[in-house]
Amino acid sequence: MPLAIDGDLQNPYAYINSKYIDRIKDIDLFSDAFLKANGSNFRIKKSEITGVEYDKRKKWGMGYYPHDGKVYVKLNDGTTREFIILGSQSSQETCNRIKN
């Protein structure tokens, strides 16, 4: 797997390996089959979210990969998940959508 992405870095789909897309394209994303298709797949239930925050500071180490900050999702088990929204997408808008 290459460590750098070739192509349009503003396109969020450029970051997904086409072989992976082919493996899941016919799977219902709300099914357990989606979770079993790859150990990296996960789902967070809305009821598990206790808070969400947007941090406009860039993620250190992301280099030239375009992003406009980080989204932190706090869960009721005390953990916090950090998400970097890549490409020409708004992390602030993602945060707002999770809140609502």
PDB file of N, CA and C in Angstrom:
ATOM      1  N   MET A   1       0.846  -1.174   0.000  1.00  0.00           N
ATOM      2  CA  MET A   1       0.000   0.000   0.000  1.00  0.00           C
ATOM      3  C   MET A   1       0.890   1.235   0.000  1.00  0.00           C
ATOM      4  N   PRO A   2       0.649   2.163  -0.913  1.00  0.00           N
ATOM      5  CA  PRO A   2       1.479   3.363  -0.969  1.00  0.00           C
ATOM      6  C   PRO A   2       1.223   4.274   0.231  1.00  0.00           C
ATOM      7  N   LEU A   3       2.263   5.006   0.622  1.00  0.00           N
ATOM      8  CA  LEU A   3       2.127   5.920   1.748  1.00  0.00           C
ATOM      9  C   LEU A   3       1.651   7.290   1.301  1.00  0.00           C
ATOM     10  N   ALA A   4       1.662   7.554   0.018  1.00  0.00           N
ATOM     11  CA  ALA A   4       1.209   8.840  -0.513  1.00  0.00           C
ATOM     12  C   ALA A   4       0.086   8.604  -1.511  1.00  0.00           C
ATOM     13  N   ILE A   5      -0.822   9.544  -1.560  1.00  0.00           N
ATOM     14  CA  ILE A   5      -1.961   9.448  -2.454  1.00  0.00           C
ATOM     15  C   ILE A   5      -1.621  10.150  -3.761  1.00  0.00           C
ATOM     16  N   ASP A   6      -1.902   9.482  -4.877  1.00  0.00           N
ATOM     17  CA  ASP A   6      -1.760  10.107  -6.186  1.00  0.00           C
ATOM     18  C   ASP A   6      -3.136  10.601  -6.606  1.00  0.00           C
ATOM     19  N   GLY A   7      -3.176  11.654  -7.362  1.00  0.00           N
ATOM     20  CA  GLY A   7      -4.453  12.125  -7.868  1.00  0.00           C
ATOM     21  C   GLY A   7      -4.911  13.394  -7.188  1.00  0.00           C
ATOM     22  N   ASP A   8      -6.197  13.634  -7.266  1.00  0.00           N
ATOM     23  CA  ASP A   8      -6.813  14.852  -6.755  1.00  0.00           C
ATOM     24  C   ASP A   8      -6.980  14.779  -5.239  1.00  0.00           C
ATOM     25  N   LEU A   9      -6.111  15.453  -4.513  1.00  0.00           N
ATOM     26  CA  LEU A   9      -6.157  15.417  -3.053  1.00  0.00           C
ATOM     27  C   LEU A   9      -7.380  16.127  -2.490  1.00  0.00           C
ATOM     28  N   GLN A  10      -8.057  16.943  -3.288  1.00  0.00           N
ATOM     29  CA  GLN A  10      -9.267  17.604  -2.819  1.00  0.00           C
ATOM     30  C   GLN A  10     -10.483  16.662  -2.870  1.00  0.00           C
ATOM     31  N   ASN A  11     -10.360  15.559  -3.600  1.00  0.00           N
ATOM     32  CA  ASN A  11     -11.451  14.597  -3.734  1.00  0.00           C
ATOM     33  C   ASN A  11     -11.354  13.568  -2.611  1.00  0.00           C
ATOM     34  N   PRO A  12     -12.321  13.532  -1.680  1.00  0.00           N
ATOM     35  CA  PRO A  12     -12.225  12.585  -0.567  1.00  0.00           C
ATOM     36  C   PRO A  12     -12.207  11.121  -1.003  1.00  0.00           C
ATOM     37  N   TYR A  13     -12.756  10.816  -2.178  1.00  0.00           N
ATOM     38  CA  TYR A  13     -12.764   9.433  -2.661  1.00  0.00           C
ATOM     39  C   TYR A  13     -11.384   8.979  -3.137  1.00  0.00           C
ATOM     40  N   ALA A  14     -10.474   9.922  -3.364  1.00  0.00           N
ATOM     41  CA  ALA A  14      -9.127   9.573  -3.816  1.00  0.00           C
ATOM     42  C   ALA A  14      -8.337   8.843  -2.726  1.00  0.00           C
ATOM     43  N   TYR A  15      -8.789   8.936  -1.492  1.00  0.00           N
ATOM     44  CA  TYR A  15      -8.074   8.337  -0.368  1.00  0.00           C
ATOM     45  C   TYR A  15      -8.473   6.884  -0.113  1.00  0.00           C
ATOM     46  N   ILE A  16      -9.476   6.409  -0.810  1.00  0.00           N
ATOM     47  CA  ILE A  16      -9.980   5.055  -0.594  1.00  0.00           C
ATOM     48  C   ILE A  16      -9.472   4.152  -1.701  1.00  0.00           C
ATOM     49  N   ASN A  17      -8.850   3.053  -1.330  1.00  0.00           N
ATOM     50  CA  ASN A  17      -8.346   2.085  -2.288  1.00  0.00           C
ATOM     51  C   ASN A  17      -9.513   1.472  -3.057  1.00  0.00           C
ATOM     52  N   SER A  18      -9.437   1.483  -4.373  1.00  0.00           N
ATOM     53  CA  SER A  18     -10.541   0.978  -5.197  1.00  0.00           C
ATOM     54  C   SER A  18     -10.813  -0.507  -4.944  1.00  0.00           C
ATOM     55  N   LYS A  19      -9.806  -1.272  -4.553  1.00  0.00           N
ATOM     56  CA  LYS A  19     -10.023  -2.696  -4.237  1.00  0.00           C
ATOM     57  C   LYS A  19     -10.941  -2.838  -3.021  1.00  0.00           C
ATOM     58  N   TYR A  20     -10.779  -1.934  -2.056  1.00  0.00           N
ATOM     59  CA  TYR A  20     -11.639  -1.965  -0.870  1.00  0.00           C
ATOM     60  C   TYR A  20     -13.076  -1.598  -1.250  1.00  0.00           C
ATOM     61  N   ILE A  21     -13.221  -0.598  -2.086  1.00  0.00           N
ATOM     62  CA  ILE A  21     -14.557  -0.193  -2.526  1.00  0.00           C
ATOM     63  C   ILE A  21     -15.241  -1.352  -3.233  1.00  0.00           C
ATOM     64  N   ASP A  22     -14.508  -2.056  -4.088  1.00  0.00           N
ATOM     65  CA  ASP A  22     -15.078  -3.202  -4.796  1.00  0.00           C
ATOM     66  C   ASP A  22     -15.557  -4.278  -3.832  1.00  0.00           C
ATOM     67  N   ARG A  23     -14.855  -4.459  -2.713  1.00  0.00           N
ATOM     68  CA  ARG A  23     -15.239  -5.493  -1.738  1.00  0.00           C
ATOM     69  C   ARG A  23     -16.511  -5.134  -0.982  1.00  0.00           C
ATOM     70  N   ILE A  24     -16.795  -3.851  -0.822  1.00  0.00           N
ATOM     71  CA  ILE A  24     -17.957  -3.471  -0.006  1.00  0.00           C
ATOM     72  C   ILE A  24     -19.089  -2.820  -0.797  1.00  0.00           C
ATOM     73  N   LYS A  25     -18.918  -2.640  -2.099  1.00  0.00           N
ATOM     74  CA  LYS A  25     -19.902  -1.865  -2.867  1.00  0.00           C
ATOM     75  C   LYS A  25     -21.311  -2.443  -2.823  1.00  0.00           C
ATOM     76  N   ASP A  26     -21.457  -3.730  -2.618  1.00  0.00           N
ATOM     77  CA  ASP A  26     -22.782  -4.350  -2.577  1.00  0.00           C
ATOM     78  C   ASP A  26     -23.247  -4.667  -1.159  1.00  0.00           C
ATOM     79  N   ILE A  27     -22.520  -4.168  -0.168  1.00  0.00           N
ATOM     80  CA  ILE A  27     -22.864  -4.443   1.226  1.00  0.00           C
ATOM     81  C   ILE A  27     -23.647  -3.267   1.805  1.00  0.00           C
ATOM     82  N   ASP A  28     -24.702  -3.573   2.525  1.00  0.00           N
ATOM     83  CA  ASP A  28     -25.477  -2.550   3.230  1.00  0.00           C
ATOM     84  C   ASP A  28     -24.612  -2.002   4.360  1.00  0.00           C
ATOM     85  N   LEU A  29     -24.327  -0.700   4.330  1.00  0.00           N
ATOM     86  CA  LEU A  29     -23.434  -0.091   5.327  1.00  0.00           C
ATOM     87  C   LEU A  29     -24.007  -0.134   6.739  1.00  0.00           C
ATOM     88  N   PHE A  30     -25.297  -0.403   6.872  1.00  0.00           N
ATOM     89  CA  PHE A  30     -25.927  -0.499   8.192  1.00  0.00           C
ATOM     90  C   PHE A  30     -25.999  -1.936   8.695  1.00  0.00           C
ATOM     91  N   SER A  31     -25.458  -2.877   7.929  1.00  0.00           N
ATOM     92  CA  SER A  31     -25.511  -4.290   8.302  1.00  0.00           C
ATOM     93  C   SER A  31     -24.252  -4.702   9.074  1.00  0.00           C
ATOM     94  N   ASP A  32     -24.351  -5.828   9.754  1.00  0.00           N
ATOM     95  CA  ASP A  32     -23.182  -6.388  10.431  1.00  0.00           C
ATOM     96  C   ASP A  32     -22.145  -6.876   9.425  1.00  0.00           C
ATOM     97  N   ALA A  33     -22.575  -7.195   8.215  1.00  0.00           N
ATOM     98  CA  ALA A  33     -21.642  -7.646   7.176  1.00  0.00           C
ATOM     99  C   ALA A  33     -20.617  -6.557   6.873  1.00  0.00           C
ATOM    100  N   PHE A  34     -21.019  -5.305   6.940  1.00  0.00           N
ATOM    101  CA  PHE A  34     -20.086  -4.197   6.723  1.00  0.00           C
ATOM    102  C   PHE A  34     -18.993  -4.209   7.782  1.00  0.00           C
ATOM    103  N   LEU A  35     -19.365  -4.427   9.031  1.00  0.00           N
ATOM    104  CA  LEU A  35     -18.376  -4.460  10.114  1.00  0.00           C
ATOM    105  C   LEU A  35     -17.420  -5.638   9.964  1.00  0.00           C
ATOM    106  N   LYS A  36     -17.918  -6.742   9.453  1.00  0.00           N
ATOM    107  CA  LYS A  36     -17.103  -7.943   9.291  1.00  0.00           C
ATOM    108  C   LYS A  36     -16.214  -7.898   8.045  1.00  0.00           C
ATOM    109  N   ALA A  37     -16.531  -7.013   7.105  1.00  0.00           N
ATOM    110  CA  ALA A  37     -15.793  -6.956   5.838  1.00  0.00           C
ATOM    111  C   ALA A  37     -14.348  -6.518   6.032  1.00  0.00           C
ATOM    112  N   ASN A  38     -14.078  -5.739   7.077  1.00  0.00           N
ATOM    113  CA  ASN A  38     -12.730  -5.259   7.346  1.00  0.00           C
ATOM    114  C   ASN A  38     -12.642  -4.908   8.824  1.00  0.00           C
ATOM    115  N   GLY A  39     -11.584  -5.314   9.461  1.00  0.00           N
ATOM    116  CA  GLY A  39     -11.407  -5.058  10.886  1.00  0.00           C
ATOM    117  C   GLY A  39     -11.310  -3.583  11.246  1.00  0.00           C
ATOM    118  N   SER A  40     -11.064  -2.727  10.259  1.00  0.00           N
ATOM    119  CA  SER A  40     -10.980  -1.290  10.500  1.00  0.00           C
ATOM    120  C   SER A  40     -12.341  -0.602  10.449  1.00  0.00           C
ATOM    121  N   ASN A  41     -13.344  -1.301   9.930  1.00  0.00           N
ATOM    122  CA  ASN A  41     -14.678  -0.703   9.860  1.00  0.00           C
ATOM    123  C   ASN A  41     -15.251  -0.574  11.267  1.00  0.00           C
ATOM    124  N   PHE A  42     -15.996   0.498  11.480  1.00  0.00           N
ATOM    125  CA  PHE A  42     -16.631   0.701  12.776  1.00  0.00           C
ATOM    126  C   PHE A  42     -17.895   1.515  12.586  1.00  0.00           C
ATOM    127  N   ARG A  43     -18.678   1.547  13.631  1.00  0.00           N
ATOM    128  CA  ARG A  43     -19.912   2.313  13.634  1.00  0.00           C
ATOM    129  C   ARG A  43     -20.065   2.890  15.036  1.00  0.00           C
ATOM    130  N   ILE A  44     -20.451   4.143  15.113  1.00  0.00           N
ATOM    131  CA  ILE A  44     -20.720   4.771  16.399  1.00  0.00           C
ATOM    132  C   ILE A  44     -22.202   5.113  16.424  1.00  0.00           C
ATOM    133  N   LYS A  45     -22.905   4.590  17.413  1.00  0.00           N
ATOM    134  CA  LYS A  45     -24.325   4.900  17.549  1.00  0.00           C
ATOM    135  C   LYS A  45     -24.483   6.318  18.080  1.00  0.00           C
ATOM    136  N   LYS A  46     -25.463   7.011  17.563  1.00  0.00           N
ATOM    137  CA  LYS A  46     -25.738   8.381  18.002  1.00  0.00           C
ATOM    138  C   LYS A  46     -25.950   8.433  19.515  1.00  0.00           C
ATOM    139  N   SER A  47     -26.567   7.397  20.061  1.00  0.00           N
ATOM    140  CA  SER A  47     -26.842   7.354  21.500  1.00  0.00           C
ATOM    141  C   SER A  47     -25.569   7.235  22.339  1.00  0.00           C
ATOM    142  N   GLU A  48     -24.447   6.848  21.716  1.00  0.00           N
ATOM    143  CA  GLU A  48     -23.176   6.717  22.431  1.00  0.00           C
ATOM    144  C   GLU A  48     -22.396   8.031  22.475  1.00  0.00           C
ATOM    145  N   ILE A  49     -22.841   9.031  21.704  1.00  0.00           N
ATOM    146  CA  ILE A  49     -22.119  10.290  21.606  1.00  0.00           C
ATOM    147  C   ILE A  49     -22.582  11.248  22.695  1.00  0.00           C
ATOM    148  N   THR A  50     -21.613  11.731  23.474  1.00  0.00           N
ATOM    149  CA  THR A  50     -21.938  12.701  24.527  1.00  0.00           C
ATOM    150  C   THR A  50     -21.496  14.109  24.157  1.00  0.00           C
ATOM    151  N   GLY A  51     -20.666  14.239  23.151  1.00  0.00           N
ATOM    152  CA  GLY A  51     -20.220  15.560  22.722  1.00  0.00           C
ATOM    153  C   GLY A  51     -19.408  15.475  21.452  1.00  0.00           C
ATOM    154  N   VAL A  52     -19.313  16.596  20.777  1.00  0.00           N
ATOM    155  CA  VAL A  52     -18.514  16.681  19.557  1.00  0.00           C
ATOM    156  C   VAL A  52     -17.932  18.091  19.482  1.00  0.00           C
ATOM    157  N   GLU A  53     -16.660  18.162  19.104  1.00  0.00           N
ATOM    158  CA  GLU A  53     -15.975  19.445  19.032  1.00  0.00           C
ATOM    159  C   GLU A  53     -15.175  19.539  17.749  1.00  0.00           C
ATOM    160  N   TYR A  54     -15.071  20.750  17.245  1.00  0.00           N
ATOM    161  CA  TYR A  54     -14.255  21.045  16.069  1.00  0.00           C
ATOM    162  C   TYR A  54     -13.033  21.827  16.529  1.00  0.00           C
ATOM    163  N   ASP A  55     -11.864  21.414  16.077  1.00  0.00           N
ATOM    164  CA  ASP A  55     -10.607  22.108  16.366  1.00  0.00           C
ATOM    165  C   ASP A  55     -10.025  22.521  15.023  1.00  0.00           C
ATOM    166  N   LYS A  56      -9.962  23.832  14.772  1.00  0.00           N
ATOM    167  CA  LYS A  56      -9.529  24.322  13.466  1.00  0.00           C
ATOM    168  C   LYS A  56      -8.033  24.182  13.218  1.00  0.00           C
ATOM    169  N   ARG A  57      -7.271  23.810  14.243  1.00  0.00           N
ATOM    170  CA  ARG A  57      -5.829  23.634  14.049  1.00  0.00           C
ATOM    171  C   ARG A  57      -5.568  22.380  13.219  1.00  0.00           C
ATOM    172  N   LYS A  58      -4.634  22.497  12.294  1.00  0.00           N
ATOM    173  CA  LYS A  58      -4.266  21.365  11.434  1.00  0.00           C
ATOM    174  C   LYS A  58      -3.638  20.251  12.267  1.00  0.00           C
ATOM    175  N   LYS A  59      -3.812  19.033  11.822  1.00  0.00           N
ATOM    176  CA  LYS A  59      -3.221  17.873  12.486  1.00  0.00           C
ATOM    177  C   LYS A  59      -1.739  17.820  12.143  1.00  0.00           C
ATOM    178  N   TRP A  60      -0.903  17.804  13.152  1.00  0.00           N
ATOM    179  CA  TRP A  60       0.532  17.727  12.936  1.00  0.00           C
ATOM    180  C   TRP A  60       0.843  16.420  12.221  1.00  0.00           C
ATOM    181  N   GLY A  61       1.733  16.477  11.254  1.00  0.00           N
ATOM    182  CA  GLY A  61       2.170  15.287  10.536  1.00  0.00           C
ATOM    183  C   GLY A  61       1.363  14.980   9.286  1.00  0.00           C
ATOM    184  N   MET A  62       0.317  15.765   9.018  1.00  0.00           N
ATOM    185  CA  MET A  62      -0.507  15.510   7.837  1.00  0.00           C
ATOM    186  C   MET A  62       0.119  16.083   6.563  1.00  0.00           C
ATOM    187  N   GLY A  63       1.184  16.854   6.721  1.00  0.00           N
ATOM    188  CA  GLY A  63       1.909  17.359   5.559  1.00  0.00           C
ATOM    189  C   GLY A  63       1.024  18.113   4.598  1.00  0.00           C
ATOM    190  N   TYR A  64       1.115  17.748   3.328  1.00  0.00           N
ATOM    191  CA  TYR A  64       0.386  18.454   2.283  1.00  0.00           C
ATOM    192  C   TYR A  64      -1.048  17.963   2.091  1.00  0.00           C
ATOM    193  N   TYR A  65      -1.482  16.977   2.870  1.00  0.00           N
ATOM    194  CA  TYR A  65      -2.851  16.485   2.722  1.00  0.00           C
ATOM    195  C   TYR A  65      -3.836  17.552   3.159  1.00  0.00           C
ATOM    196  N   PRO A  66      -4.771  17.940   2.285  1.00  0.00           N
ATOM    197  CA  PRO A  66      -5.684  19.028   2.609  1.00  0.00           C
ATOM    198  C   PRO A  66      -6.721  18.621   3.654  1.00  0.00           C
ATOM    199  N   HIS A  67      -6.807  19.426   4.683  1.00  0.00           N
ATOM    200  CA  HIS A  67      -7.841  19.278   5.702  1.00  0.00           C
ATOM    201  C   HIS A  67      -7.939  20.599   6.449  1.00  0.00           C
ATOM    202  N   ASP A  68      -9.036  20.823   7.113  1.00  0.00           N
ATOM    203  CA  ASP A  68      -9.227  22.105   7.789  1.00  0.00           C
ATOM    204  C   ASP A  68      -9.390  21.957   9.295  1.00  0.00           C
ATOM    205  N   GLY A  69      -8.762  20.949   9.847  1.00  0.00           N
ATOM    206  CA  GLY A  69      -8.807  20.760  11.293  1.00  0.00           C
ATOM    207  C   GLY A  69      -9.223  19.352  11.668  1.00  0.00           C
ATOM    208  N   LYS A  70      -9.673  19.229  12.908  1.00  0.00           N
ATOM    209  CA  LYS A  70     -10.000  17.924  13.465  1.00  0.00           C
ATOM    210  C   LYS A  70     -11.399  17.957  14.078  1.00  0.00           C
ATOM    211  N   VAL A  71     -12.041  16.806  14.087  1.00  0.00           N
ATOM    212  CA  VAL A  71     -13.328  16.645  14.765  1.00  0.00           C
ATOM    213  C   VAL A  71     -13.122  15.606  15.856  1.00  0.00           C
ATOM    214  N   TYR A  72     -13.493  15.976  17.087  1.00  0.00           N
ATOM    215  CA  TYR A  72     -13.399  15.067  18.222  1.00  0.00           C
ATOM    216  C   TYR A  72     -14.797  14.635  18.629  1.00  0.00           C
ATOM    217  N   VAL A  73     -15.024  13.326  18.674  1.00  0.00           N
ATOM    218  CA  VAL A  73     -16.306  12.775  19.088  1.00  0.00           C
ATOM    219  C   VAL A  73     -16.096  12.103  20.443  1.00  0.00           C
ATOM    220  N   LYS A  74     -16.804  12.608  21.458  1.00  0.00           N
ATOM    221  CA  LYS A  74     -16.709  12.060  22.814  1.00  0.00           C
ATOM    222  C   LYS A  74     -17.828  11.053  23.015  1.00  0.00           C
ATOM    223  N   LEU A  75     -17.442   9.896  23.588  1.00  0.00           N
ATOM    224  CA  LEU A  75     -18.394   8.804  23.771  1.00  0.00           C
ATOM    225  C   LEU A  75     -18.724   8.613  25.243  1.00  0.00           C
ATOM    226  N   ASN A  76     -19.878   7.990  25.505  1.00  0.00           N
ATOM    227  CA  ASN A  76     -20.316   7.832  26.894  1.00  0.00           C
ATOM    228  C   ASN A  76     -19.468   6.859  27.702  1.00  0.00           C
ATOM    229  N   ASP A  77     -18.553   6.138  27.065  1.00  0.00           N
ATOM    230  CA  ASP A  77     -17.643   5.269  27.825  1.00  0.00           C
ATOM    231  C   ASP A  77     -16.374   6.018  28.246  1.00  0.00           C
ATOM    232  N   GLY A  78     -16.342   7.340  27.952  1.00  0.00           N
ATOM    233  CA  GLY A  78     -15.208   8.163  28.343  1.00  0.00           C
ATOM    234  C   GLY A  78     -14.137   8.324  27.289  1.00  0.00           C
ATOM    235  N   THR A  79     -14.245   7.601  26.184  1.00  0.00           N
ATOM    236  CA  THR A  79     -13.244   7.715  25.128  1.00  0.00           C
ATOM    237  C   THR A  79     -13.579   8.862  24.184  1.00  0.00           C
ATOM    238  N   THR A  80     -12.568   9.320  23.474  1.00  0.00           N
ATOM    239  CA  THR A  80     -12.724  10.350  22.457  1.00  0.00           C
ATOM    240  C   THR A  80     -12.082   9.854  21.178  1.00  0.00           C
ATOM    241  N   ARG A  81     -12.812   9.948  20.090  1.00  0.00           N
ATOM    242  CA  ARG A  81     -12.297   9.566  18.770  1.00  0.00           C
ATOM    243  C   ARG A  81     -11.967  10.831  18.002  1.00  0.00           C
ATOM    244  N   GLU A  82     -10.798  10.854  17.364  1.00  0.00           N
ATOM    245  CA  GLU A  82     -10.363  11.989  16.564  1.00  0.00           C
ATOM    246  C   GLU A  82     -10.525  11.641  15.094  1.00  0.00           C
ATOM    247  N   PHE A  83     -11.114  12.565  14.328  1.00  0.00           N
ATOM    248  CA  PHE A  83     -11.305  12.366  12.901  1.00  0.00           C
ATOM    249  C   PHE A  83     -10.701  13.530  12.137  1.00  0.00           C
ATOM    250  N   ILE A  84      -9.963  13.207  11.078  1.00  0.00           N
ATOM    251  CA  ILE A  84      -9.421  14.193  10.161  1.00  0.00           C
ATOM    252  C   ILE A  84     -10.251  14.061   8.889  1.00  0.00           C
ATOM    253  N   ILE A  85     -10.954  15.109   8.527  1.00  0.00           N
ATOM    254  CA  ILE A  85     -11.825  15.088   7.357  1.00  0.00           C
ATOM    255  C   ILE A  85     -11.006  15.573   6.162  1.00  0.00           C
ATOM    256  N   LEU A  86     -10.655  14.648   5.279  1.00  0.00           N
ATOM    257  CA  LEU A  86      -9.747  14.944   4.167  1.00  0.00           C
ATOM    258  C   LEU A  86     -10.461  15.491   2.944  1.00  0.00           C
ATOM    259  N   GLY A  87      -9.699  16.190   2.116  1.00  0.00           N
ATOM    260  CA  GLY A  87     -10.225  16.715   0.867  1.00  0.00           C
ATOM    261  C   GLY A  87     -10.948  18.031   1.073  1.00  0.00           C
ATOM    262  N   SER A  88     -11.744  18.393   0.085  1.00  0.00           N
ATOM    263  CA  SER A  88     -12.450  19.667   0.152  1.00  0.00           C
ATOM    264  C   SER A  88     -13.800  19.481   0.832  1.00  0.00           C
ATOM    265  N   GLN A  89     -13.743  19.097   2.091  1.00  0.00           N
ATOM    266  CA  GLN A  89     -14.915  18.931   2.928  1.00  0.00           C
ATOM    267  C   GLN A  89     -14.709  19.815   4.159  1.00  0.00           C
ATOM    268  N   SER A  90     -15.769  20.214   4.778  1.00  0.00           N
ATOM    269  CA  SER A  90     -15.684  21.073   5.945  1.00  0.00           C
ATOM    270  C   SER A  90     -15.764  20.252   7.227  1.00  0.00           C
ATOM    271  N   SER A  91     -14.709  20.311   8.020  1.00  0.00           N
ATOM    272  CA  SER A  91     -14.727  19.640   9.318  1.00  0.00           C
ATOM    273  C   SER A  91     -15.744  20.298  10.239  1.00  0.00           C
ATOM    274  N   GLN A  92     -15.880  21.624  10.133  1.00  0.00           N
ATOM    275  CA  GLN A  92     -16.882  22.341  10.943  1.00  0.00           C
ATOM    276  C   GLN A  92     -18.283  21.855  10.604  1.00  0.00           C
ATOM    277  N   GLU A  93     -18.573  21.699   9.311  1.00  0.00           N
ATOM    278  CA  GLU A  93     -19.884  21.218   8.887  1.00  0.00           C
ATOM    279  C   GLU A  93     -20.117  19.779   9.350  1.00  0.00           C
ATOM    280  N   THR A  94     -19.082  18.941   9.285  1.00  0.00           N
ATOM    281  CA  THR A  94     -19.191  17.570   9.777  1.00  0.00           C
ATOM    282  C   THR A  94     -19.521  17.578  11.251  1.00  0.00           C
ATOM    283  N   CYS A  95     -18.848  18.411  12.019  1.00  0.00           N
ATOM    284  CA  CYS A  95     -19.109  18.540  13.455  1.00  0.00           C
ATOM    285  C   CYS A  95     -20.559  18.962  13.686  1.00  0.00           C
ATOM    286  N   ASN A  96     -21.021  19.962  12.958  1.00  0.00           N
ATOM    287  CA  ASN A  96     -22.397  20.444  13.115  1.00  0.00           C
ATOM    288  C   ASN A  96     -23.417  19.368  12.780  1.00  0.00           C
ATOM    289  N   ARG A  97     -23.134  18.574  11.757  1.00  0.00           N
ATOM    290  CA  ARG A  97     -24.068  17.498  11.381  1.00  0.00           C
ATOM    291  C   ARG A  97     -24.141  16.429  12.457  1.00  0.00           C
ATOM    292  N   ILE A  98     -23.030  16.129  13.077  1.00  0.00           N
ATOM    293  CA  ILE A  98     -23.039  15.134  14.155  1.00  0.00           C
ATOM    294  C   ILE A  98     -23.815  15.679  15.352  1.00  0.00           C
ATOM    295  N   LYS A  99     -23.666  16.955  15.644  1.00  0.00           N
ATOM    296  CA  LYS A  99     -24.385  17.576  16.762  1.00  0.00           C
ATOM    297  C   LYS A  99     -25.886  17.526  16.564  1.00  0.00           C
ATOM    298  N   ASN A 100     -26.325  17.701  15.329  1.00  0.00           N
ATOM    299  CA  ASN A 100     -27.772  17.781  15.068  1.00  0.00           C
ATOM    300  C   ASN A 100     -28.303  16.460  14.728  1.00  0.00           C
TER     301      ASN A 100
END
